[in-house]
Every structure is written in structure tokens, then in C-alpha cells.
Amino acid sequence: MTLDTDTTRRLRDGMARGVLSFPLTSFHEDGSLDPDGFRTHVAAQLATGPGAIFPACGTGEFFSLDEDEYRVVVTAAVEEAGGRVPVVAGVGYGWAQAARFARIAEEAGADALLVLPHYLVAAPQDGLVAQLERLAARTRLPLIAYQRGQVAFTADSLRRIARIPGVIGLKDGHSDLDRLQRLTLAAPEGFLFFNGASTAEIQARAYATVGVPAYSSAVHAFAPEIANAFFAALGDADHGRTDKLLRDFYVPLVELRDRVPGYAVSLVKAAARLRGRPVGPVRAPLTDPSATDLAELRALLVTGLDLVGAAL
């Protein structure tokens, strides 16, 4: 597959236009899937102009969805998007299971797949490459590799995966800018790169200096007004406004996020609920924030929204 495809062009255009949205998966209070709530949430996300949407990924609790639920979620995202923006669905675990999810995403009409880090074990570079080779051979959809946790590609491996038909990009969650610069330099022209750091805005300027300006925004899932204001300030090189948003909102949010494992998702869901979004609770093994942390989150959200002229 050439890198100059309709999907890569649409993704590249979207990346330049807005943040990448990773919608939350809605659950009822008993933990069952809430398809109507999810559709409402995705429609609201789309209305705020993201460059693409990535359903059933990390923020969308892919790891807690069974195959039937996954089908409902990806199908709903595709239908709500209606072709307006690319829909990139998450797949993961080992390549055999990832291929099962890939078939579902194909049938649902997704445009591409984000290949989440494989399950549990560490692996050598040859194995990381083989994982993508085997998955690419079993799907017609373009693949974006995600390096995070136990997955970290060398420059040589990046060259190898970029030659795999169907692999069009890499999302980075390590924030090792030395390694990332080597990867961008090793990549062929047209290969896509994404900043996938937790609360990516914190490092957005640094990523941009090594040629990776596009980023995913968890904040967009609950406060698109803040996420879009930051994206605009960054694009305008308005360092004063960028610093103000970082100092008064994003940095305190990260400090709160880092208190408890899993808060990278459960705080986002809690903030969305504070704004009346029908996303419900997280599923175990994640836990919802404590009352104390929820109160702090609410105050921080009010502050952030005030900075951009919005209200809770």
C-alpha cells in the first residue's frame, strides 16, 4: 500500500485542522454498555470539529469491551461521523485477537486501525515487527502502530514496519524525544506520526520541534472548548496564552491524574459527567475518583473553562 491513500490524506488534513478525539465509551451504572449515551457523546464531540475520531481505544476502555460491544461502539462511531472525519478504531492484544477485532471494524466501516500495545509480555524488535506483519496480512484497513509501555521501536524497526503494506503511521506514548527524532528521520516521506503522550498538550510544543505536531486530546472528551483553544494558541504561536492554559489548567490536571493509577481515564469520564455528558462510570479494574479528588477536579474544570470564556 502506498502511503498516499485517501485515508492518509484525510488523516493528514484532519491532523492539521484540529485535535484528535478519543471518545469515551458510555456505560450504565450497572456496567452494561449504553449505546444511546455513546452516540450522544460522539455526536457532541464531532460538533466541535476534531480532525478524526478514535473510538474504542485506551480512553474508550477498549480493554474492557467484548467483541459484541466493540461492534456496537465502532458501528455507532462510523454512523455518527457519516464520513465527515476519519474513524480509526482501536485493536489490540496478540495479533490473532487483534485480527478478530479488525474484521469487526472493517465490517462496521472504520477507515483505519490503531494497534494498541500487545498484552503483558516484553518482546524483541523482530517480534514487534512480526506482530504488525501478521495483522496487516489479515485486514484491508490501514494500520497505525502505537508504541507505549512494552512497545518501543528502534529506527531500523521503524524502517521495516513502514515497508509493511498497510502500515501508515506511528503514535508515540513514550515521550522520548531523542528516540522519536531518530524515528521521524528514519521514516519515509508521508509516514504519519502522532503525539500520544498522556495529556498530550503538556508536551505538544516539544513534540512539534521533532516534527510531530499532531496530538490526541483526552481533554477534548470533556472540555472541547479548552482543547480547541489550546490547539489554536499553539498554532498561532501565542506563547502567553499557551503558557497560561498549561500553568493554570493542564499541569494541575496532570498532577491530579498522577495520584491514582487509571485516573488518565477515570478522571476524564468524571469530568465529562460533571458537564452532563452521558458517559457513565468506568469499568473495573479502573475506579471512579474519590469525593475529594472529584471536588478538586470540578474546581479545576471551572478554572479551565473560565480561561477560555466557557462555563461548566
C-alpha atoms as a PDB file:
ATOM      1  CA  MET A   1       0.000   0.000   0.000  1.00  0.00           C
ATOM      2  CA  THR A   2       1.313   3.406  -0.936  1.00  0.00           C
ATOM      3  CA  LEU A   3       1.309   5.989   1.828  1.00  0.00           C
ATOM      4  CA  ASP A   4      -0.549   8.385  -0.474  1.00  0.00           C
ATOM      5  CA  THR A   5      -4.047   6.990   0.056  1.00  0.00           C
ATOM      6  CA  ASP A   6      -7.406   8.634   0.636  1.00  0.00           C
ATOM      7  CA  THR A   7      -7.253   7.642   4.316  1.00  0.00           C
ATOM      8  CA  THR A   8      -3.774   9.071   4.877  1.00  0.00           C
ATOM      9  CA  ARG A   9      -4.721  12.276   3.059  1.00  0.00           C
ATOM     10  CA  ARG A  10      -7.877  12.655   5.153  1.00  0.00           C
ATOM     11  CA  LEU A  11      -5.956  11.973   8.344  1.00  0.00           C
ATOM     12  CA  ARG A  12      -3.213  14.411   7.414  1.00  0.00           C
ATOM     13  CA  ASP A  13      -5.752  17.106   6.623  1.00  0.00           C
ATOM     14  CA  GLY A  14      -7.598  16.423   9.877  1.00  0.00           C
ATOM     15  CA  MET A  15      -4.397  16.493  11.927  1.00  0.00           C
ATOM     16  CA  ALA A  16      -3.655  19.978  10.608  1.00  0.00           C
ATOM     17  CA  ARG A  17      -7.195  21.194  11.263  1.00  0.00           C
ATOM     18  CA  GLY A  18      -7.879  20.076  14.835  1.00  0.00           C
ATOM     19  CA  VAL A  19      -7.130  17.801  17.750  1.00  0.00           C
ATOM     20  CA  LEU A  20      -7.721  14.065  17.505  1.00  0.00           C
ATOM     21  CA  SER A  21     -10.748  12.982  19.524  1.00  0.00           C
ATOM     22  CA  PHE A  22     -10.744   9.785  21.585  1.00  0.00           C
ATOM     23  CA  PRO A  23     -14.368   9.407  22.694  1.00  0.00           C
ATOM     24  CA  LEU A  24     -15.310   7.753  25.951  1.00  0.00           C
ATOM     25  CA  THR A  25     -17.370   4.565  25.915  1.00  0.00           C
ATOM     26  CA  SER A  26     -20.654   5.065  27.754  1.00  0.00           C
ATOM     27  CA  PHE A  27     -21.787   2.572  30.397  1.00  0.00           C
ATOM     28  CA  HIS A  28     -24.887   2.384  32.552  1.00  0.00           C
ATOM     29  CA  GLU A  29     -24.492   2.421  36.333  1.00  0.00           C
ATOM     30  CA  ASP A  30     -24.631  -1.391  36.374  1.00  0.00           C
ATOM     31  CA  GLY A  31     -21.653  -1.502  33.997  1.00  0.00           C
ATOM     32  CA  SER A  32     -23.581  -2.517  30.880  1.00  0.00           C
ATOM     33  CA  LEU A  33     -22.943  -0.743  27.589  1.00  0.00           C
ATOM     34  CA  ASP A  34     -25.013   2.384  26.924  1.00  0.00           C
ATOM     35  CA  PRO A  35     -25.170   2.710  23.098  1.00  0.00           C
ATOM     36  CA  ASP A  36     -27.508   5.716  23.135  1.00  0.00           C
ATOM     37  CA  GLY A  37     -25.293   7.584  25.580  1.00  0.00           C
ATOM     38  CA  PHE A  38     -22.267   6.794  23.420  1.00  0.00           C
ATOM     39  CA  ARG A  39     -23.959   8.114  20.290  1.00  0.00           C
ATOM     40  CA  THR A  40     -24.894  11.319  22.097  1.00  0.00           C
ATOM     41  CA  HIS A  41     -21.318  11.746  23.320  1.00  0.00           C
ATOM     42  CA  VAL A  42     -19.786  11.097  19.894  1.00  0.00           C
ATOM     43  CA  ALA A  43     -22.213  13.482  18.198  1.00  0.00           C
ATOM     44  CA  ALA A  44     -21.229  16.205  20.671  1.00  0.00           C
ATOM     45  CA  GLN A  45     -17.536  15.509  20.032  1.00  0.00           C
ATOM     46  CA  LEU A  46     -17.999  15.713  16.274  1.00  0.00           C
ATOM     47  CA  ALA A  47     -19.844  19.014  16.577  1.00  0.00           C
ATOM     48  CA  THR A  48     -16.701  20.655  17.986  1.00  0.00           C
ATOM     49  CA  GLY A  49     -14.559  19.973  14.912  1.00  0.00           C
ATOM     50  CA  PRO A  50     -11.953  17.292  15.712  1.00  0.00           C
ATOM     51  CA  GLY A  51      -9.580  16.178  12.976  1.00  0.00           C
ATOM     52  CA  ALA A  52     -10.543  12.499  13.424  1.00  0.00           C
ATOM     53  CA  ILE A  53     -12.174  10.252  16.000  1.00  0.00           C
ATOM     54  CA  PHE A  54     -10.625   7.167  17.561  1.00  0.00           C
ATOM     55  CA  PRO A  55     -13.339   5.024  19.202  1.00  0.00           C
ATOM     56  CA  ALA A  56     -12.615   2.005  21.398  1.00  0.00           C
ATOM     57  CA  CYS A  57      -9.020   2.973  22.141  1.00  0.00           C
ATOM     58  CA  GLY A  58      -7.366   3.500  25.525  1.00  0.00           C
ATOM     59  CA  THR A  59      -9.572   6.391  26.636  1.00  0.00           C
ATOM     60  CA  GLY A  60     -12.543   4.440  25.296  1.00  0.00           C
ATOM     61  CA  GLU A  61     -11.686   1.440  27.521  1.00  0.00           C
ATOM     62  CA  PHE A  62     -11.026  -0.979  24.640  1.00  0.00           C
ATOM     63  CA  PHE A  63      -9.536  -3.388  27.159  1.00  0.00           C
ATOM     64  CA  SER A  64     -12.914  -3.824  28.874  1.00  0.00           C
ATOM     65  CA  LEU A  65     -15.063  -4.401  25.772  1.00  0.00           C
ATOM     66  CA  ASP A  66     -16.121  -7.776  24.420  1.00  0.00           C
ATOM     67  CA  GLU A  67     -16.418  -8.287  20.677  1.00  0.00           C
ATOM     68  CA  ASP A  68     -20.170  -7.649  20.521  1.00  0.00           C
ATOM     69  CA  GLU A  69     -19.809  -4.400  22.470  1.00  0.00           C
ATOM     70  CA  TYR A  70     -16.885  -3.394  20.283  1.00  0.00           C
ATOM     71  CA  ARG A  71     -19.019  -3.863  17.181  1.00  0.00           C
ATOM     72  CA  VAL A  72     -21.759  -1.655  18.631  1.00  0.00           C
ATOM     73  CA  VAL A  73     -19.272   1.077  19.581  1.00  0.00           C
ATOM     74  CA  VAL A  74     -17.391   1.200  16.268  1.00  0.00           C
ATOM     75  CA  THR A  75     -20.575   0.963  14.210  1.00  0.00           C
ATOM     76  CA  ALA A  76     -22.113   3.839  16.174  1.00  0.00           C
ATOM     77  CA  ALA A  77     -18.992   5.988  15.742  1.00  0.00           C
ATOM     78  CA  VAL A  78     -18.930   5.374  11.979  1.00  0.00           C
ATOM     79  CA  GLU A  79     -22.623   6.160  11.633  1.00  0.00           C
ATOM     80  CA  GLU A  80     -22.386   9.332  13.692  1.00  0.00           C
ATOM     81  CA  ALA A  81     -19.292  10.511  11.787  1.00  0.00           C
ATOM     82  CA  GLY A  82     -21.088   9.964   8.488  1.00  0.00           C
ATOM     83  CA  GLY A  83     -17.847  10.311   6.544  1.00  0.00           C
ATOM     84  CA  ARG A  84     -17.153  13.812   7.858  1.00  0.00           C
ATOM     85  CA  VAL A  85     -13.921  12.772   9.575  1.00  0.00           C
ATOM     86  CA  PRO A  86     -11.843   9.574   9.563  1.00  0.00           C
ATOM     87  CA  VAL A  87     -12.792   6.928  12.122  1.00  0.00           C
ATOM     88  CA  VAL A  88      -9.812   4.993  13.499  1.00  0.00           C
ATOM     89  CA  ALA A  89     -10.799   2.060  15.724  1.00  0.00           C
ATOM     90  CA  GLY A  90      -8.560   0.523  18.357  1.00  0.00           C
ATOM     91  CA  VAL A  91      -7.440  -3.111  18.151  1.00  0.00           C
ATOM     92  CA  GLY A  92      -5.118  -4.976  20.460  1.00  0.00           C
ATOM     93  CA  TYR A  93      -3.903  -7.998  22.450  1.00  0.00           C
ATOM     94  CA  GLY A  94      -1.968 -10.528  20.327  1.00  0.00           C
ATOM     95  CA  TRP A  95      -2.166 -10.397  16.535  1.00  0.00           C
ATOM     96  CA  ALA A  96      -4.735 -13.209  16.345  1.00  0.00           C
ATOM     97  CA  GLN A  97      -7.177 -11.412  18.637  1.00  0.00           C
ATOM     98  CA  ALA A  98      -6.362  -8.068  17.038  1.00  0.00           C
ATOM     99  CA  ALA A  99      -7.308  -9.588  13.671  1.00  0.00           C
ATOM    100  CA  ARG A 100     -10.722 -10.579  15.060  1.00  0.00           C
ATOM    101  CA  PHE A 101     -11.359  -7.005  16.171  1.00  0.00           C
ATOM    102  CA  ALA A 102     -10.005  -5.745  12.841  1.00  0.00           C
ATOM    103  CA  ARG A 103     -12.584  -7.799  10.945  1.00  0.00           C
ATOM    104  CA  ILE A 104     -15.341  -6.300  13.067  1.00  0.00           C
ATOM    105  CA  ALA A 105     -14.009  -2.773  12.472  1.00  0.00           C
ATOM    106  CA  GLU A 106     -13.873  -3.437   8.717  1.00  0.00           C
ATOM    107  CA  GLU A 107     -17.469  -4.641   8.703  1.00  0.00           C
ATOM    108  CA  ALA A 108     -18.511  -1.597  10.743  1.00  0.00           C
ATOM    109  CA  GLY A 109     -16.969   0.771   8.175  1.00  0.00           C
ATOM    110  CA  ALA A 110     -13.949   2.113  10.064  1.00  0.00           C
ATOM    111  CA  ASP A 111     -11.311   3.893   7.997  1.00  0.00           C
ATOM    112  CA  ALA A 112      -8.198   2.663   9.822  1.00  0.00           C
ATOM    113  CA  LEU A 113      -6.977   0.876  12.944  1.00  0.00           C
ATOM    114  CA  LEU A 114      -4.830   1.964  15.887  1.00  0.00           C
ATOM    115  CA  VAL A 115      -2.816  -1.058  17.023  1.00  0.00           C
ATOM    116  CA  LEU A 116      -2.624  -0.838  20.802  1.00  0.00           C
ATOM    117  CA  PRO A 117       0.366  -2.413  22.615  1.00  0.00           C
ATOM    118  CA  HIS A 118       0.172  -6.199  22.828  1.00  0.00           C
ATOM    119  CA  TYR A 119      -0.753  -7.931  26.066  1.00  0.00           C
ATOM    120  CA  LEU A 120       1.576  -8.476  29.047  1.00  0.00           C
ATOM    121  CA  VAL A 121       4.883  -9.766  27.677  1.00  0.00           C
ATOM    122  CA  ALA A 122       8.002  -7.945  26.560  1.00  0.00           C
ATOM    123  CA  ALA A 123       9.138  -8.748  23.023  1.00  0.00           C
ATOM    124  CA  PRO A 124      12.220  -8.283  20.828  1.00  0.00           C
ATOM    125  CA  GLN A 125      12.196  -5.983  17.828  1.00  0.00           C
ATOM    126  CA  ASP A 126      11.716  -8.871  15.393  1.00  0.00           C
ATOM    127  CA  GLY A 127       8.576  -9.840  17.292  1.00  0.00           C
ATOM    128  CA  LEU A 128       7.183  -6.307  17.297  1.00  0.00           C
ATOM    129  CA  VAL A 129       7.627  -6.161  13.528  1.00  0.00           C
ATOM    130  CA  ALA A 130       6.124  -9.631  13.056  1.00  0.00           C
ATOM    131  CA  GLN A 131       3.076  -8.639  15.114  1.00  0.00           C
ATOM    132  CA  LEU A 132       2.276  -5.886  12.613  1.00  0.00           C
ATOM    133  CA  GLU A 133       3.117  -8.067   9.604  1.00  0.00           C
ATOM    134  CA  ARG A 134       0.664 -10.740  10.694  1.00  0.00           C
ATOM    135  CA  LEU A 135      -2.098  -8.268  11.460  1.00  0.00           C
ATOM    136  CA  ALA A 136      -1.581  -6.321   8.221  1.00  0.00           C
ATOM    137  CA  ALA A 137      -1.901  -9.569   6.251  1.00  0.00           C
ATOM    138  CA  ARG A 138      -5.338 -10.140   7.790  1.00  0.00           C
ATOM    139  CA  THR A 139      -7.029  -6.772   7.257  1.00  0.00           C
ATOM    140  CA  ARG A 140      -7.665  -4.376   4.415  1.00  0.00           C
ATOM    141  CA  LEU A 141      -7.633  -1.395   6.772  1.00  0.00           C
ATOM    142  CA  PRO A 142      -4.556   0.832   7.195  1.00  0.00           C
ATOM    143  CA  LEU A 143      -2.710   0.401  10.487  1.00  0.00           C
ATOM    144  CA  ILE A 144      -1.222   2.958  12.875  1.00  0.00           C
ATOM    145  CA  ALA A 145       1.191   1.363  15.328  1.00  0.00           C
ATOM    146  CA  TYR A 146       1.141   2.602  18.918  1.00  0.00           C
ATOM    147  CA  GLN A 147       4.390   2.499  20.863  1.00  0.00           C
ATOM    148  CA  ARG A 148       3.845   2.676  24.575  1.00  0.00           C
ATOM    149  CA  GLY A 149       4.617   0.520  27.585  1.00  0.00           C
ATOM    150  CA  GLN A 150       6.492  -2.574  26.398  1.00  0.00           C
ATOM    151  CA  VAL A 151       6.404  -1.495  22.736  1.00  0.00           C
ATOM    152  CA  ALA A 152       9.233   0.771  21.586  1.00  0.00           C
ATOM    153  CA  PHE A 153      10.577   0.645  18.048  1.00  0.00           C
ATOM    154  CA  THR A 154      14.153   1.292  17.003  1.00  0.00           C
ATOM    155  CA  ALA A 155      14.887   3.328  13.892  1.00  0.00           C
ATOM    156  CA  ASP A 156      15.687   0.120  11.997  1.00  0.00           C
ATOM    157  CA  SER A 157      12.371  -1.430  13.054  1.00  0.00           C
ATOM    158  CA  LEU A 158      10.544   1.743  12.033  1.00  0.00           C
ATOM    159  CA  ARG A 159      12.005   1.384   8.538  1.00  0.00           C
ATOM    160  CA  ARG A 160      10.827  -2.239   8.488  1.00  0.00           C
ATOM    161  CA  ILE A 161       7.270  -1.552   9.629  1.00  0.00           C
ATOM    162  CA  ALA A 162       6.976   1.366   7.203  1.00  0.00           C
ATOM    163  CA  ARG A 163       7.594  -1.138   4.393  1.00  0.00           C
ATOM    164  CA  ILE A 164       4.719  -3.366   5.532  1.00  0.00           C
ATOM    165  CA  PRO A 165       1.789  -2.869   3.142  1.00  0.00           C
ATOM    166  CA  GLY A 166      -0.932  -1.118   5.101  1.00  0.00           C
ATOM    167  CA  VAL A 167       1.148   0.422   7.915  1.00  0.00           C
ATOM    168  CA  ILE A 168       0.744   4.185   7.544  1.00  0.00           C
ATOM    169  CA  GLY A 169       1.871   5.715  10.825  1.00  0.00           C
ATOM    170  CA  LEU A 170       3.059   5.601  14.410  1.00  0.00           C
ATOM    171  CA  LYS A 171       1.561   7.007  17.578  1.00  0.00           C
ATOM    172  CA  ASP A 172       4.114   7.642  20.329  1.00  0.00           C
ATOM    173  CA  GLY A 173       3.373   7.459  24.032  1.00  0.00           C
ATOM    174  CA  HIS A 174       6.917   7.265  25.396  1.00  0.00           C
ATOM    175  CA  SER A 175       7.837  10.955  25.115  1.00  0.00           C
ATOM    176  CA  ASP A 176      11.475  10.067  24.499  1.00  0.00           C
ATOM    177  CA  LEU A 177      12.207  12.879  22.070  1.00  0.00           C
ATOM    178  CA  ASP A 178      15.706  11.644  21.236  1.00  0.00           C
ATOM    179  CA  ARG A 179      14.279   8.290  20.117  1.00  0.00           C
ATOM    180  CA  LEU A 180      11.328   9.946  18.410  1.00  0.00           C
ATOM    181  CA  GLN A 181      13.555  12.269  16.390  1.00  0.00           C
ATOM    182  CA  ARG A 182      15.504   9.247  15.155  1.00  0.00           C
ATOM    183  CA  LEU A 183      12.243   7.581  14.139  1.00  0.00           C
ATOM    184  CA  THR A 184      10.927  10.591  12.228  1.00  0.00           C
ATOM    185  CA  LEU A 185      14.208  10.858  10.357  1.00  0.00           C
ATOM    186  CA  ALA A 186      14.126   7.141   9.518  1.00  0.00           C
ATOM    187  CA  ALA A 187      10.567   7.223   8.210  1.00  0.00           C
ATOM    188  CA  PRO A 188       9.678   7.511   4.528  1.00  0.00           C
ATOM    189  CA  GLU A 189       8.014  10.632   3.228  1.00  0.00           C
ATOM    190  CA  GLY A 190       4.318  10.655   4.002  1.00  0.00           C
ATOM    191  CA  PHE A 191       4.510   8.390   7.063  1.00  0.00           C
ATOM    192  CA  LEU A 192       2.204   9.753   9.778  1.00  0.00           C
ATOM    193  CA  PHE A 193       3.294  10.499  13.347  1.00  0.00           C
ATOM    194  CA  PHE A 194       1.071  11.275  16.321  1.00  0.00           C
ATOM    195  CA  ASN A 195       1.807  12.580  19.810  1.00  0.00           C
ATOM    196  CA  GLY A 196       0.077  10.086  22.087  1.00  0.00           C
ATOM    197  CA  ALA A 197       1.530  11.139  25.426  1.00  0.00           C
ATOM    198  CA  SER A 198      -0.838  11.192  28.384  1.00  0.00           C
ATOM    199  CA  THR A 199      -2.395  14.665  28.444  1.00  0.00           C
ATOM    200  CA  ALA A 200      -0.546  15.331  25.207  1.00  0.00           C
ATOM    201  CA  GLU A 201      -0.891  19.115  25.386  1.00  0.00           C
ATOM    202  CA  ILE A 202       1.783  19.201  28.110  1.00  0.00           C
ATOM    203  CA  GLN A 203       4.408  18.112  25.585  1.00  0.00           C
ATOM    204  CA  ALA A 204       2.825  19.348  22.357  1.00  0.00           C
ATOM    205  CA  ARG A 205       5.383  22.084  21.747  1.00  0.00           C
ATOM    206  CA  ALA A 206       8.270  19.725  22.368  1.00  0.00           C
ATOM    207  CA  TYR A 207       6.840  17.075  20.035  1.00  0.00           C
ATOM    208  CA  ALA A 208       6.344  19.673  17.323  1.00  0.00           C
ATOM    209  CA  THR A 209      10.053  20.517  17.386  1.00  0.00           C
ATOM    210  CA  VAL A 210      10.891  16.956  16.257  1.00  0.00           C
ATOM    211  CA  GLY A 211       8.292  17.004  13.511  1.00  0.00           C
ATOM    212  CA  VAL A 212       5.244  15.615  15.353  1.00  0.00           C
ATOM    213  CA  PRO A 213       2.694  18.418  15.719  1.00  0.00           C
ATOM    214  CA  ALA A 214      -0.470  16.258  15.681  1.00  0.00           C
ATOM    215  CA  TYR A 215      -1.749  15.011  19.013  1.00  0.00           C
ATOM    216  CA  SER A 216      -4.609  13.224  20.716  1.00  0.00           C
ATOM    217  CA  SER A 217      -6.520  15.139  23.368  1.00  0.00           C
ATOM    218  CA  ALA A 218      -8.243  13.459  26.284  1.00  0.00           C
ATOM    219  CA  VAL A 219      -9.367  16.917  27.422  1.00  0.00           C
ATOM    220  CA  HIS A 220     -11.391  17.172  24.225  1.00  0.00           C
ATOM    221  CA  ALA A 221     -13.613  14.365  25.574  1.00  0.00           C
ATOM    222  CA  PHE A 222     -14.924  16.632  28.349  1.00  0.00           C
ATOM    223  CA  ALA A 223     -13.888  20.199  27.543  1.00  0.00           C
ATOM    224  CA  PRO A 224     -13.506  20.695  23.793  1.00  0.00           C
ATOM    225  CA  GLU A 225     -13.600  24.459  24.420  1.00  0.00           C
ATOM    226  CA  ILE A 226     -10.306  24.187  26.325  1.00  0.00           C
ATOM    227  CA  ALA A 227      -8.758  21.671  23.931  1.00  0.00           C
ATOM    228  CA  ASN A 228      -9.617  23.754  20.873  1.00  0.00           C
ATOM    229  CA  ALA A 229      -8.428  26.990  22.484  1.00  0.00           C
ATOM    230  CA  PHE A 230      -5.089  25.371  23.279  1.00  0.00           C
ATOM    231  CA  PHE A 231      -4.784  23.978  19.743  1.00  0.00           C
ATOM    232  CA  ALA A 232      -5.458  27.431  18.298  1.00  0.00           C
ATOM    233  CA  ALA A 233      -2.985  29.146  20.637  1.00  0.00           C
ATOM    234  CA  LEU A 234      -0.335  26.582  19.787  1.00  0.00           C
ATOM    235  CA  GLY A 235      -0.930  27.016  16.057  1.00  0.00           C
ATOM    236  CA  ASP A 236      -0.746  30.792  16.382  1.00  0.00           C
ATOM    237  CA  ALA A 237       2.477  30.578  18.423  1.00  0.00           C
ATOM    238  CA  ASP A 238       0.665  32.522  21.140  1.00  0.00           C
ATOM    239  CA  HIS A 239       3.088  31.504  23.868  1.00  0.00           C
ATOM    240  CA  GLY A 240       1.487  33.662  26.525  1.00  0.00           C
ATOM    241  CA  ARG A 241      -1.916  32.023  26.109  1.00  0.00           C
ATOM    242  CA  THR A 242      -0.378  28.582  25.732  1.00  0.00           C
ATOM    243  CA  ASP A 243       1.621  29.022  28.939  1.00  0.00           C
ATOM    244  CA  LYS A 244      -1.434  30.330  30.800  1.00  0.00           C
ATOM    245  CA  LEU A 245      -3.507  27.271  29.849  1.00  0.00           C
ATOM    246  CA  LEU A 246      -0.655  24.937  30.718  1.00  0.00           C
ATOM    247  CA  ARG A 247       0.130  26.588  34.036  1.00  0.00           C
ATOM    248  CA  ASP A 248      -3.414  27.068  35.313  1.00  0.00           C
ATOM    249  CA  PHE A 249      -5.190  24.049  33.881  1.00  0.00           C
ATOM    250  CA  TYR A 250      -3.131  21.330  32.227  1.00  0.00           C
ATOM    251  CA  VAL A 251      -0.321  20.999  34.770  1.00  0.00           C
ATOM    252  CA  PRO A 252      -2.695  20.829  37.767  1.00  0.00           C
ATOM    253  CA  LEU A 253      -4.777  18.279  35.828  1.00  0.00           C
ATOM    254  CA  VAL A 254      -1.712  16.101  35.282  1.00  0.00           C
ATOM    255  CA  GLU A 255      -0.770  16.347  38.947  1.00  0.00           C
ATOM    256  CA  LEU A 256      -4.259  15.179  39.891  1.00  0.00           C
ATOM    257  CA  ARG A 257      -4.173  12.461  37.218  1.00  0.00           C
ATOM    258  CA  ASP A 258      -0.930  11.038  38.560  1.00  0.00           C
ATOM    259  CA  ARG A 259      -2.295  10.437  42.057  1.00  0.00           C
ATOM    260  CA  VAL A 260      -4.069   7.183  41.270  1.00  0.00           C
ATOM    261  CA  PRO A 261      -3.417   4.523  38.606  1.00  0.00           C
ATOM    262  CA  GLY A 262      -6.125   4.652  35.972  1.00  0.00           C
ATOM    263  CA  TYR A 263      -7.068   8.271  36.576  1.00  0.00           C
ATOM    264  CA  ALA A 264      -5.944   9.007  32.987  1.00  0.00           C
ATOM    265  CA  VAL A 265      -9.302   7.514  32.010  1.00  0.00           C
ATOM    266  CA  SER A 266     -11.492   7.778  35.096  1.00  0.00           C
ATOM    267  CA  LEU A 267     -10.799  11.497  35.643  1.00  0.00           C
ATOM    268  CA  VAL A 268     -11.759  12.169  32.035  1.00  0.00           C
ATOM    269  CA  LYS A 269     -15.019  10.298  32.485  1.00  0.00           C
ATOM    270  CA  ALA A 270     -15.718  12.054  35.781  1.00  0.00           C
ATOM    271  CA  ALA A 271     -15.115  15.454  34.180  1.00  0.00           C
ATOM    272  CA  ALA A 272     -17.483  14.543  31.351  1.00  0.00           C
ATOM    273  CA  ARG A 273     -20.146  13.565  33.871  1.00  0.00           C
ATOM    274  CA  LEU A 274     -19.662  16.890  35.665  1.00  0.00           C
ATOM    275  CA  ARG A 275     -20.648  18.529  32.389  1.00  0.00           C
ATOM    276  CA  GLY A 276     -23.742  16.374  31.997  1.00  0.00           C
ATOM    277  CA  ARG A 277     -22.309  14.025  29.376  1.00  0.00           C
ATOM    278  CA  PRO A 278     -23.962  10.561  29.347  1.00  0.00           C
ATOM    279  CA  VAL A 279     -20.779   8.518  29.687  1.00  0.00           C
ATOM    280  CA  GLY A 280     -21.418   6.725  32.991  1.00  0.00           C
ATOM    281  CA  PRO A 281     -18.774   5.135  35.228  1.00  0.00           C
ATOM    282  CA  VAL A 282     -15.564   3.334  34.338  1.00  0.00           C
ATOM    283  CA  ARG A 283     -15.404  -0.438  34.349  1.00  0.00           C
ATOM    284  CA  ALA A 284     -13.207  -2.426  36.696  1.00  0.00           C
ATOM    285  CA  PRO A 285     -10.275  -2.665  37.121  1.00  0.00           C
ATOM    286  CA  LEU A 286     -10.472   1.150  36.872  1.00  0.00           C
ATOM    287  CA  THR A 287     -12.180   3.052  39.686  1.00  0.00           C
ATOM    288  CA  ASP A 288     -14.023   6.345  39.720  1.00  0.00           C
ATOM    289  CA  PRO A 289     -12.384   9.284  41.552  1.00  0.00           C
ATOM    290  CA  SER A 290     -12.813   9.766  45.290  1.00  0.00           C
ATOM    291  CA  ALA A 291     -15.134  12.519  46.522  1.00  0.00           C
ATOM    292  CA  THR A 292     -12.131  14.658  47.460  1.00  0.00           C
ATOM    293  CA  ASP A 293     -10.496  14.275  44.057  1.00  0.00           C
ATOM    294  CA  LEU A 294     -13.813  14.856  42.315  1.00  0.00           C
ATOM    295  CA  ALA A 295     -14.255  18.166  44.129  1.00  0.00           C
ATOM    296  CA  GLU A 296     -10.746  19.217  43.127  1.00  0.00           C
ATOM    297  CA  LEU A 297     -11.448  18.179  39.547  1.00  0.00           C
ATOM    298  CA  ARG A 298     -14.614  20.255  39.474  1.00  0.00           C
ATOM    299  CA  ALA A 299     -12.793  23.374  40.691  1.00  0.00           C
ATOM    300  CA  LEU A 300     -10.040  22.832  38.142  1.00  0.00           C
ATOM    301  CA  LEU A 301     -12.569  22.368  35.358  1.00  0.00           C
ATOM    302  CA  VAL A 302     -14.309  25.629  36.307  1.00  0.00           C
ATOM    303  CA  THR A 303     -10.946  27.391  36.185  1.00  0.00           C
ATOM    304  CA  GLY A 304     -10.062  25.952  32.790  1.00  0.00           C
ATOM    305  CA  LEU A 305     -13.396  26.803  31.251  1.00  0.00           C
ATOM    306  CA  ASP A 306     -13.212  30.330  32.633  1.00  0.00           C
ATOM    307  CA  LEU A 307      -9.845  30.769  30.938  1.00  0.00           C
ATOM    308  CA  VAL A 308     -11.487  30.219  27.559  1.00  0.00           C
ATOM    309  CA  GLY A 309     -14.733  32.078  28.256  1.00  0.00           C
ATOM    310  CA  ALA A 310     -16.885  28.992  28.807  1.00  0.00           C
ATOM    311  CA  ALA A 311     -18.915  27.714  31.738  1.00  0.00           C
ATOM    312  CA  LEU A 312     -19.483  24.392  33.440  1.00  0.00           C
END
